[in-house]
Amino acid sequence: VESGGGLVQAGGSLRLSCAASGSIFRADVMGWYRQA
């Protein structure tokens, strides 16, 4: 579950976080993607 998004003016900053739950996993590669 991602969080931290919102509306911001150009030049501003945001910090996105990702909360995990459920089964045990190994995070070999973690990342962020986007789609406009």
PDB file of all heavy atoms in Angstrom:
ATOM      1  N   VAL A   1       0.844  -1.185   0.000  1.00  0.00           N
ATOM      2  CA  VAL A   1       0.000   0.000   0.000  1.00  0.00           C
ATOM      3  C   VAL A   1       0.879   1.234   0.000  1.00  0.00           C
ATOM      4  O   VAL A   1       1.652   1.450   0.937  1.00  0.00           O
ATOM      5  CB  VAL A   1      -0.949   0.037   1.212  1.00  0.00           C
ATOM      6  CG1 VAL A   1      -1.800   1.300   1.176  1.00  0.00           C
ATOM      7  CG2 VAL A   1      -1.838  -1.189   1.234  1.00  0.00           C
ATOM      8  N   GLU A   2       0.748   2.045  -1.043  1.00  0.00           N
ATOM      9  CA  GLU A   2       1.515   3.274  -1.154  1.00  0.00           C
ATOM     10  C   GLU A   2       0.827   4.401  -0.385  1.00  0.00           C
ATOM     11  O   GLU A   2      -0.390   4.407  -0.221  1.00  0.00           O
ATOM     12  CB  GLU A   2       1.673   3.696  -2.618  1.00  0.00           C
ATOM     13  CG  GLU A   2       2.342   2.660  -3.516  1.00  0.00           C
ATOM     14  CD  GLU A   2       1.355   1.721  -4.172  1.00  0.00           C
ATOM     15  OE1 GLU A   2       0.215   1.600  -3.678  1.00  0.00           O
ATOM     16  OE2 GLU A   2       1.727   1.096  -5.187  1.00  0.00           O
ATOM     17  N   SER A   3       1.622   5.370   0.038  1.00  0.00           N
ATOM     18  CA  SER A   3       1.090   6.561   0.678  1.00  0.00           C
ATOM     19  C   SER A   3       2.048   7.717   0.436  1.00  0.00           C
ATOM     20  O   SER A   3       3.197   7.514   0.060  1.00  0.00           O
ATOM     21  CB  SER A   3       0.878   6.344   2.179  1.00  0.00           C
ATOM     22  OG  SER A   3       2.107   6.084   2.832  1.00  0.00           O
ATOM     23  N   GLY A   4       1.571   8.923   0.661  1.00  0.00           N
ATOM     24  CA  GLY A   4       2.404  10.104   0.540  1.00  0.00           C
ATOM     25  C   GLY A   4       2.126  10.963  -0.675  1.00  0.00           C
ATOM     26  O   GLY A   4       2.679  12.063  -0.790  1.00  0.00           O
ATOM     27  N   GLY A   5       1.288  10.494  -1.575  1.00  0.00           N
ATOM     28  CA  GLY A   5       0.956  11.286  -2.740  1.00  0.00           C
ATOM     29  C   GLY A   5       0.051  12.444  -2.384  1.00  0.00           C
ATOM     30  O   GLY A   5      -0.454  12.550  -1.266  1.00  0.00           O
ATOM     31  N   GLY A   6      -0.148  13.324  -3.342  1.00  0.00           N
ATOM     32  CA  GLY A   6      -0.995  14.469  -3.114  1.00  0.00           C
ATOM     33  C   GLY A   6      -0.806  15.522  -4.172  1.00  0.00           C
ATOM     34  O   GLY A   6      -0.190  15.283  -5.214  1.00  0.00           O
ATOM     35  N   LEU A   7      -1.345  16.689  -3.903  1.00  0.00           N
ATOM     36  CA  LEU A   7      -1.246  17.831  -4.801  1.00  0.00           C
ATOM     37  C   LEU A   7      -0.163  18.773  -4.304  1.00  0.00           C
ATOM     38  O   LEU A   7      -0.168  19.168  -3.131  1.00  0.00           O
ATOM     39  CB  LEU A   7      -2.591  18.554  -4.882  1.00  0.00           C
ATOM     40  CG  LEU A   7      -2.640  19.835  -5.712  1.00  0.00           C
ATOM     41  CD1 LEU A   7      -2.346  19.531  -7.175  1.00  0.00           C
ATOM     42  CD2 LEU A   7      -4.005  20.497  -5.550  1.00  0.00           C
ATOM     43  N   VAL A   8       0.751  19.128  -5.185  1.00  0.00           N
ATOM     44  CA  VAL A   8       1.849  20.009  -4.820  1.00  0.00           C
ATOM     45  C   VAL A   8       2.160  20.931  -5.991  1.00  0.00           C
ATOM     46  O   VAL A   8       1.951  20.564  -7.154  1.00  0.00           O
ATOM     47  CB  VAL A   8       3.097  19.188  -4.416  1.00  0.00           C
ATOM     48  CG1 VAL A   8       3.628  18.388  -5.605  1.00  0.00           C
ATOM     49  CG2 VAL A   8       4.178  20.077  -3.835  1.00  0.00           C
ATOM     50  N   GLN A   9       2.638  22.120  -5.692  1.00  0.00           N
ATOM     51  CA  GLN A   9       3.019  23.050  -6.741  1.00  0.00           C
ATOM     52  C   GLN A   9       4.393  22.705  -7.302  1.00  0.00           C
ATOM     53  O   GLN A   9       5.211  22.073  -6.633  1.00  0.00           O
ATOM     54  CB  GLN A   9       3.026  24.487  -6.221  1.00  0.00           C
ATOM     55  CG  GLN A   9       1.646  25.033  -5.898  1.00  0.00           C
ATOM     56  CD  GLN A   9       1.664  26.519  -5.611  1.00  0.00           C
ATOM     57  OE1 GLN A   9       2.706  27.100  -5.328  1.00  0.00           O
ATOM     58  NE2 GLN A   9       0.503  27.146  -5.696  1.00  0.00           N
ATOM     59  N   ALA A  10       4.630  23.115  -8.540  1.00  0.00           N
ATOM     60  CA  ALA A  10       5.923  22.892  -9.163  1.00  0.00           C
ATOM     61  C   ALA A  10       7.038  23.433  -8.273  1.00  0.00           C
ATOM     62  O   ALA A  10       6.929  24.520  -7.713  1.00  0.00           O
ATOM     63  CB  ALA A  10       5.969  23.553 -10.535  1.00  0.00           C
ATOM     64  N   GLY A  11       8.098  22.639  -8.152  1.00  0.00           N
ATOM     65  CA  GLY A  11       9.208  23.000  -7.297  1.00  0.00           C
ATOM     66  C   GLY A  11       9.113  22.435  -5.900  1.00  0.00           C
ATOM     67  O   GLY A  11      10.093  22.485  -5.144  1.00  0.00           O
ATOM     68  N   GLY A  12       7.968  21.886  -5.555  1.00  0.00           N
ATOM     69  CA  GLY A  12       7.764  21.330  -4.236  1.00  0.00           C
ATOM     70  C   GLY A  12       8.298  19.917  -4.106  1.00  0.00           C
ATOM     71  O   GLY A  12       8.894  19.364  -5.035  1.00  0.00           O
ATOM     72  N   SER A  13       8.056  19.321  -2.941  1.00  0.00           N
ATOM     73  CA  SER A  13       8.569  17.992  -2.638  1.00  0.00           C
ATOM     74  C   SER A  13       7.485  17.101  -2.054  1.00  0.00           C
ATOM     75  O   SER A  13       6.536  17.573  -1.420  1.00  0.00           O
ATOM     76  CB  SER A  13       9.725  18.075  -1.635  1.00  0.00           C
ATOM     77  OG  SER A  13      10.815  18.811  -2.148  1.00  0.00           O
ATOM     78  N   LEU A  14       7.636  15.803  -2.273  1.00  0.00           N
ATOM     79  CA  LEU A  14       6.791  14.790  -1.666  1.00  0.00           C
ATOM     80  C   LEU A  14       7.656  13.585  -1.338  1.00  0.00           C
ATOM     81  O   LEU A  14       8.680  13.348  -1.994  1.00  0.00           O
ATOM     82  CB  LEU A  14       5.661  14.355  -2.601  1.00  0.00           C
ATOM     83  CG  LEU A  14       4.502  15.314  -2.826  1.00  0.00           C
ATOM     84  CD1 LEU A  14       3.586  14.766  -3.923  1.00  0.00           C
ATOM     85  CD2 LEU A  14       3.711  15.522  -1.545  1.00  0.00           C
ATOM     86  N   ARG A  15       7.232  12.829  -0.347  1.00  0.00           N
ATOM     87  CA  ARG A  15       7.918  11.597   0.009  1.00  0.00           C
ATOM     88  C   ARG A  15       6.901  10.459  -0.010  1.00  0.00           C
ATOM     89  O   ARG A  15       5.920  10.484   0.739  1.00  0.00           O
ATOM     90  CB  ARG A  15       8.564  11.704   1.390  1.00  0.00           C
ATOM     91  CG  ARG A  15       9.374  10.474   1.788  1.00  0.00           C
ATOM     92  CD  ARG A  15      10.074  10.688   3.119  1.00  0.00           C
ATOM     93  NE  ARG A  15      10.822   9.520   3.555  1.00  0.00           N
ATOM     94  CZ  ARG A  15      12.061   9.245   3.182  1.00  0.00           C
ATOM     95  NH1 ARG A  15      12.704  10.059   2.355  1.00  0.00           N
ATOM     96  NH2 ARG A  15      12.667   8.157   3.646  1.00  0.00           N
ATOM     97  N   LEU A  16       7.136   9.474  -0.850  1.00  0.00           N
ATOM     98  CA  LEU A  16       6.250   8.333  -0.978  1.00  0.00           C
ATOM     99  C   LEU A  16       6.763   7.168  -0.139  1.00  0.00           C
ATOM    100  O   LEU A  16       7.964   6.911  -0.093  1.00  0.00           O
ATOM    101  CB  LEU A  16       6.136   7.892  -2.436  1.00  0.00           C
ATOM    102  CG  LEU A  16       5.714   8.951  -3.456  1.00  0.00           C
ATOM    103  CD1 LEU A  16       5.559   8.319  -4.828  1.00  0.00           C
ATOM    104  CD2 LEU A  16       4.435   9.643  -3.026  1.00  0.00           C
ATOM    105  N   SER A  17       5.833   6.467   0.496  1.00  0.00           N
ATOM    106  CA  SER A  17       6.172   5.302   1.297  1.00  0.00           C
ATOM    107  C   SER A  17       5.376   4.105   0.819  1.00  0.00           C
ATOM    108  O   SER A  17       4.358   4.242   0.137  1.00  0.00           O
ATOM    109  CB  SER A  17       5.885   5.557   2.781  1.00  0.00           C
ATOM    110  OG  SER A  17       6.675   6.613   3.277  1.00  0.00           O
ATOM    111  N   CYS A  18       5.840   2.920   1.187  1.00  0.00           N
ATOM    112  CA  CYS A  18       5.209   1.673   0.768  1.00  0.00           C
ATOM    113  C   CYS A  18       5.148   0.739   1.967  1.00  0.00           C
ATOM    114  O   CYS A  18       6.187   0.326   2.486  1.00  0.00           O
ATOM    115  CB  CYS A  18       6.011   1.049  -0.377  1.00  0.00           C
ATOM    116  SG  CYS A  18       5.382  -0.523  -0.987  1.00  0.00           S
ATOM    117  N   ALA A  19       3.949   0.412   2.400  1.00  0.00           N
ATOM    118  CA  ALA A  19       3.754  -0.494   3.523  1.00  0.00           C
ATOM    119  C   ALA A  19       3.435  -1.890   3.019  1.00  0.00           C
ATOM    120  O   ALA A  19       2.608  -2.056   2.120  1.00  0.00           O
ATOM    121  CB  ALA A  19       2.633   0.011   4.422  1.00  0.00           C
ATOM    122  N   ALA A  20       4.077  -2.892   3.605  1.00  0.00           N
ATOM    123  CA  ALA A  20       3.881  -4.280   3.199  1.00  0.00           C
ATOM    124  C   ALA A  20       3.242  -5.085   4.315  1.00  0.00           C
ATOM    125  O   ALA A  20       3.515  -4.866   5.500  1.00  0.00           O
ATOM    126  CB  ALA A  20       5.211  -4.909   2.799  1.00  0.00           C
ATOM    127  N   SER A  21       2.412  -6.040   3.929  1.00  0.00           N
ATOM    128  CA  SER A  21       1.811  -6.960   4.880  1.00  0.00           C
ATOM    129  C   SER A  21       1.577  -8.299   4.197  1.00  0.00           C
ATOM    130  O   SER A  21       1.640  -8.408   2.978  1.00  0.00           O
ATOM    131  CB  SER A  21       0.492  -6.405   5.432  1.00  0.00           C
ATOM    132  OG  SER A  21      -0.468  -6.253   4.403  1.00  0.00           O
ATOM    133  N   GLY A  22       1.322  -9.328   4.995  1.00  0.00           N
ATOM    134  CA  GLY A  22       1.039 -10.637   4.452  1.00  0.00           C
ATOM    135  C   GLY A  22       2.214 -11.591   4.588  1.00  0.00           C
ATOM    136  O   GLY A  22       2.893 -11.609   5.614  1.00  0.00           O
ATOM    137  N   SER A  23       2.455 -12.373   3.558  1.00  0.00           N
ATOM    138  CA  SER A  23       3.474 -13.407   3.581  1.00  0.00           C
ATOM    139  C   SER A  23       4.882 -12.839   3.665  1.00  0.00           C
ATOM    140  O   SER A  23       5.142 -11.704   3.266  1.00  0.00           O
ATOM    141  CB  SER A  23       3.353 -14.293   2.337  1.00  0.00           C
ATOM    142  OG  SER A  23       2.080 -14.905   2.250  1.00  0.00           O
ATOM    143  N   ILE A  24       5.773 -13.668   4.180  1.00  0.00           N
ATOM    144  CA  ILE A  24       7.188 -13.304   4.206  1.00  0.00           C
ATOM    145  C   ILE A  24       7.723 -13.262   2.779  1.00  0.00           C
ATOM    146  O   ILE A  24       7.372 -14.101   1.949  1.00  0.00           O
ATOM    147  CB  ILE A  24       7.980 -14.317   5.040  1.00  0.00           C
ATOM    148  CG1 ILE A  24       7.507 -14.294   6.492  1.00  0.00           C
ATOM    149  CG2 ILE A  24       9.478 -14.038   4.962  1.00  0.00           C
ATOM    150  CD1 ILE A  24       8.126 -15.378   7.349  1.00  0.00           C
ATOM    151  N   PHE A  25       8.554 -12.292   2.486  1.00  0.00           N
ATOM    152  CA  PHE A  25       9.125 -12.165   1.158  1.00  0.00           C
ATOM    153  C   PHE A  25      10.551 -11.654   1.245  1.00  0.00           C
ATOM    154  O   PHE A  25      10.968 -11.092   2.256  1.00  0.00           O
ATOM    155  CB  PHE A  25       8.278 -11.236   0.278  1.00  0.00           C
ATOM    156  CG  PHE A  25       8.210  -9.822   0.787  1.00  0.00           C
ATOM    157  CD1 PHE A  25       9.119  -8.868   0.357  1.00  0.00           C
ATOM    158  CD2 PHE A  25       7.237  -9.448   1.691  1.00  0.00           C
ATOM    159  CE1 PHE A  25       9.068  -7.563   0.830  1.00  0.00           C
ATOM    160  CE2 PHE A  25       7.170  -8.144   2.169  1.00  0.00           C
ATOM    161  CZ  PHE A  25       8.083  -7.204   1.745  1.00  0.00           C
ATOM    162  N   ARG A  26      11.275 -11.846   0.159  1.00  0.00           N
ATOM    163  CA  ARG A  26      12.625 -11.324   0.016  1.00  0.00           C
ATOM    164  C   ARG A  26      12.591 -10.191  -0.999  1.00  0.00           C
ATOM    165  O   ARG A  26      12.210 -10.399  -2.148  1.00  0.00           O
ATOM    166  CB  ARG A  26      13.572 -12.427  -0.464  1.00  0.00           C
ATOM    167  CG  ARG A  26      15.036 -12.016  -0.511  1.00  0.00           C
ATOM    168  CD  ARG A  26      15.815 -12.915  -1.463  1.00  0.00           C
ATOM    169  NE  ARG A  26      15.615 -14.326  -1.191  1.00  0.00           N
ATOM    170  CZ  ARG A  26      16.370 -15.053  -0.373  1.00  0.00           C
ATOM    171  NH1 ARG A  26      17.401 -14.500   0.249  1.00  0.00           N
ATOM    172  NH2 ARG A  26      16.101 -16.338  -0.200  1.00  0.00           N
ATOM    173  N   ALA A  27      12.977  -9.020  -0.578  1.00  0.00           N
ATOM    174  CA  ALA A  27      12.971  -7.864  -1.468  1.00  0.00           C
ATOM    175  C   ALA A  27      14.295  -7.797  -2.224  1.00  0.00           C
ATOM    176  O   ALA A  27      15.183  -7.020  -1.879  1.00  0.00           O
ATOM    177  CB  ALA A  27      12.725  -6.577  -0.692  1.00  0.00           C
ATOM    178  N   ASP A  28      14.419  -8.627  -3.257  1.00  0.00           N
ATOM    179  CA  ASP A  28      15.642  -8.638  -4.053  1.00  0.00           C
ATOM    180  C   ASP A  28      15.797  -7.339  -4.844  1.00  0.00           C
ATOM    181  O   ASP A  28      16.891  -6.794  -4.953  1.00  0.00           O
ATOM    182  CB  ASP A  28      15.652  -9.831  -5.001  1.00  0.00           C
ATOM    183  CG  ASP A  28      15.637 -11.150  -4.266  1.00  0.00           C
ATOM    184  OD1 ASP A  28      16.516 -11.351  -3.408  1.00  0.00           O
ATOM    185  OD2 ASP A  28      14.750 -11.979  -4.547  1.00  0.00           O
ATOM    186  N   VAL A  29      14.692  -6.889  -5.414  1.00  0.00           N
ATOM    187  CA  VAL A  29      14.665  -5.615  -6.122  1.00  0.00           C
ATOM    188  C   VAL A  29      13.399  -4.883  -5.710  1.00  0.00           C
ATOM    189  O   VAL A  29      12.306  -5.449  -5.778  1.00  0.00           O
ATOM    190  CB  VAL A  29      14.689  -5.782  -7.651  1.00  0.00           C
ATOM    191  CG1 VAL A  29      14.735  -4.414  -8.334  1.00  0.00           C
ATOM    192  CG2 VAL A  29      15.878  -6.626  -8.086  1.00  0.00           C
ATOM    193  N   MET A  30      13.527  -3.661  -5.282  1.00  0.00           N
ATOM    194  CA  MET A  30      12.375  -2.843  -4.960  1.00  0.00           C
ATOM    195  C   MET A  30      12.408  -1.586  -5.823  1.00  0.00           C
ATOM    196  O   MET A  30      13.483  -1.132  -6.227  1.00  0.00           O
ATOM    197  CB  MET A  30      12.339  -2.476  -3.477  1.00  0.00           C
ATOM    198  CG  MET A  30      13.582  -1.763  -2.961  1.00  0.00           C
ATOM    199  SD  MET A  30      13.517  -1.453  -1.164  1.00  0.00           S
ATOM    200  CE  MET A  30      13.644  -3.137  -0.546  1.00  0.00           C
ATOM    201  N   GLY A  31      11.239  -1.055  -6.110  1.00  0.00           N
ATOM    202  CA  GLY A  31      11.240   0.095  -6.989  1.00  0.00           C
ATOM    203  C   GLY A  31       9.938   0.854  -7.014  1.00  0.00           C
ATOM    204  O   GLY A  31       8.952   0.487  -6.364  1.00  0.00           O
ATOM    205  N   TRP A  32       9.984   1.937  -7.760  1.00  0.00           N
ATOM    206  CA  TRP A  32       8.825   2.779  -8.002  1.00  0.00           C
ATOM    207  C   TRP A  32       8.618   2.947  -9.499  1.00  0.00           C
ATOM    208  O   TRP A  32       9.586   3.156 -10.246  1.00  0.00           O
ATOM    209  CB  TRP A  32       8.986   4.156  -7.343  1.00  0.00           C
ATOM    210  CG  TRP A  32       8.917   4.108  -5.855  1.00  0.00           C
ATOM    211  CD1 TRP A  32       9.952   3.987  -4.984  1.00  0.00           C
ATOM    212  CD2 TRP A  32       7.729   4.179  -5.066  1.00  0.00           C
ATOM    213  NE1 TRP A  32       9.490   3.977  -3.693  1.00  0.00           N
ATOM    214  CE2 TRP A  32       8.130   4.094  -3.712  1.00  0.00           C
ATOM    215  CE3 TRP A  32       6.374   4.310  -5.366  1.00  0.00           C
ATOM    216  CZ2 TRP A  32       7.212   4.134  -2.664  1.00  0.00           C
ATOM    217  CZ3 TRP A  32       5.466   4.348  -4.326  1.00  0.00           C
ATOM    218  CH2 TRP A  32       5.886   4.257  -2.992  1.00  0.00           C
ATOM    219  N   TYR A  33       7.379   2.852  -9.912  1.00  0.00           N
ATOM    220  CA  TYR A  33       6.975   3.059 -11.292  1.00  0.00           C
ATOM    221  C   TYR A  33       5.853   4.079 -11.309  1.00  0.00           C
ATOM    222  O   TYR A  33       5.224   4.349 -10.284  1.00  0.00           O
ATOM    223  CB  TYR A  33       6.505   1.746 -11.917  1.00  0.00           C
ATOM    224  CG  TYR A  33       7.593   0.702 -12.059  1.00  0.00           C
ATOM    225  CD1 TYR A  33       8.063   0.009 -10.953  1.00  0.00           C
ATOM    226  CD2 TYR A  33       8.151   0.418 -13.302  1.00  0.00           C
ATOM    227  CE1 TYR A  33       9.065  -0.940 -11.069  1.00  0.00           C
ATOM    228  CE2 TYR A  33       9.148  -0.537 -13.432  1.00  0.00           C
ATOM    229  CZ  TYR A  33       9.598  -1.212 -12.315  1.00  0.00           C
ATOM    230  OH  TYR A  33      10.588  -2.156 -12.438  1.00  0.00           O
ATOM    231  N   ARG A  34       5.609   4.654 -12.463  1.00  0.00           N
ATOM    232  CA  ARG A  34       4.519   5.613 -12.563  1.00  0.00           C
ATOM    233  C   ARG A  34       3.826   5.489 -13.909  1.00  0.00           C
ATOM    234  O   ARG A  34       4.412   5.040 -14.885  1.00  0.00           O
ATOM    235  CB  ARG A  34       5.016   7.045 -12.357  1.00  0.00           C
ATOM    236  CG  ARG A  34       5.928   7.569 -13.455  1.00  0.00           C
ATOM    237  CD  ARG A  34       6.493   8.933 -13.081  1.00  0.00           C
ATOM    238  NE  ARG A  34       7.330   9.491 -14.136  1.00  0.00           N
ATOM    239  CZ  ARG A  34       8.026  10.612 -14.013  1.00  0.00           C
ATOM    240  NH1 ARG A  34       7.987  11.301 -12.880  1.00  0.00           N
ATOM    241  NH2 ARG A  34       8.770  11.050 -15.033  1.00  0.00           N
ATOM    242  N   GLN A  35       2.577   5.911 -13.931  1.00  0.00           N
ATOM    243  CA  GLN A  35       1.795   5.880 -15.155  1.00  0.00           C
ATOM    244  C   GLN A  35       0.929   7.127 -15.229  1.00  0.00           C
ATOM    245  O   GLN A  35       0.101   7.370 -14.349  1.00  0.00           O
ATOM    246  CB  GLN A  35       0.930   4.625 -15.235  1.00  0.00           C
ATOM    247  CG  GLN A  35       0.211   4.463 -16.559  1.00  0.00           C
ATOM    248  CD  GLN A  35      -0.407   3.087 -16.709  1.00  0.00           C
ATOM    249  OE1 GLN A  35      -0.702   2.420 -15.728  1.00  0.00           O
ATOM    250  NE2 GLN A  35      -0.588   2.657 -17.951  1.00  0.00           N
ATOM    251  N   ALA A  36       1.139   7.901 -16.265  1.00  0.00           N
ATOM    252  CA  ALA A  36       0.340   9.086 -16.522  1.00  0.00           C
ATOM    253  C   ALA A  36      -0.795   8.721 -17.468  1.00  0.00           C
ATOM    254  O   ALA A  36      -0.690   7.754 -18.229  1.00  0.00           O
ATOM    255  CB  ALA A  36       1.199  10.190 -17.125  1.00  0.00           C
TER     256      ALA A  36
END
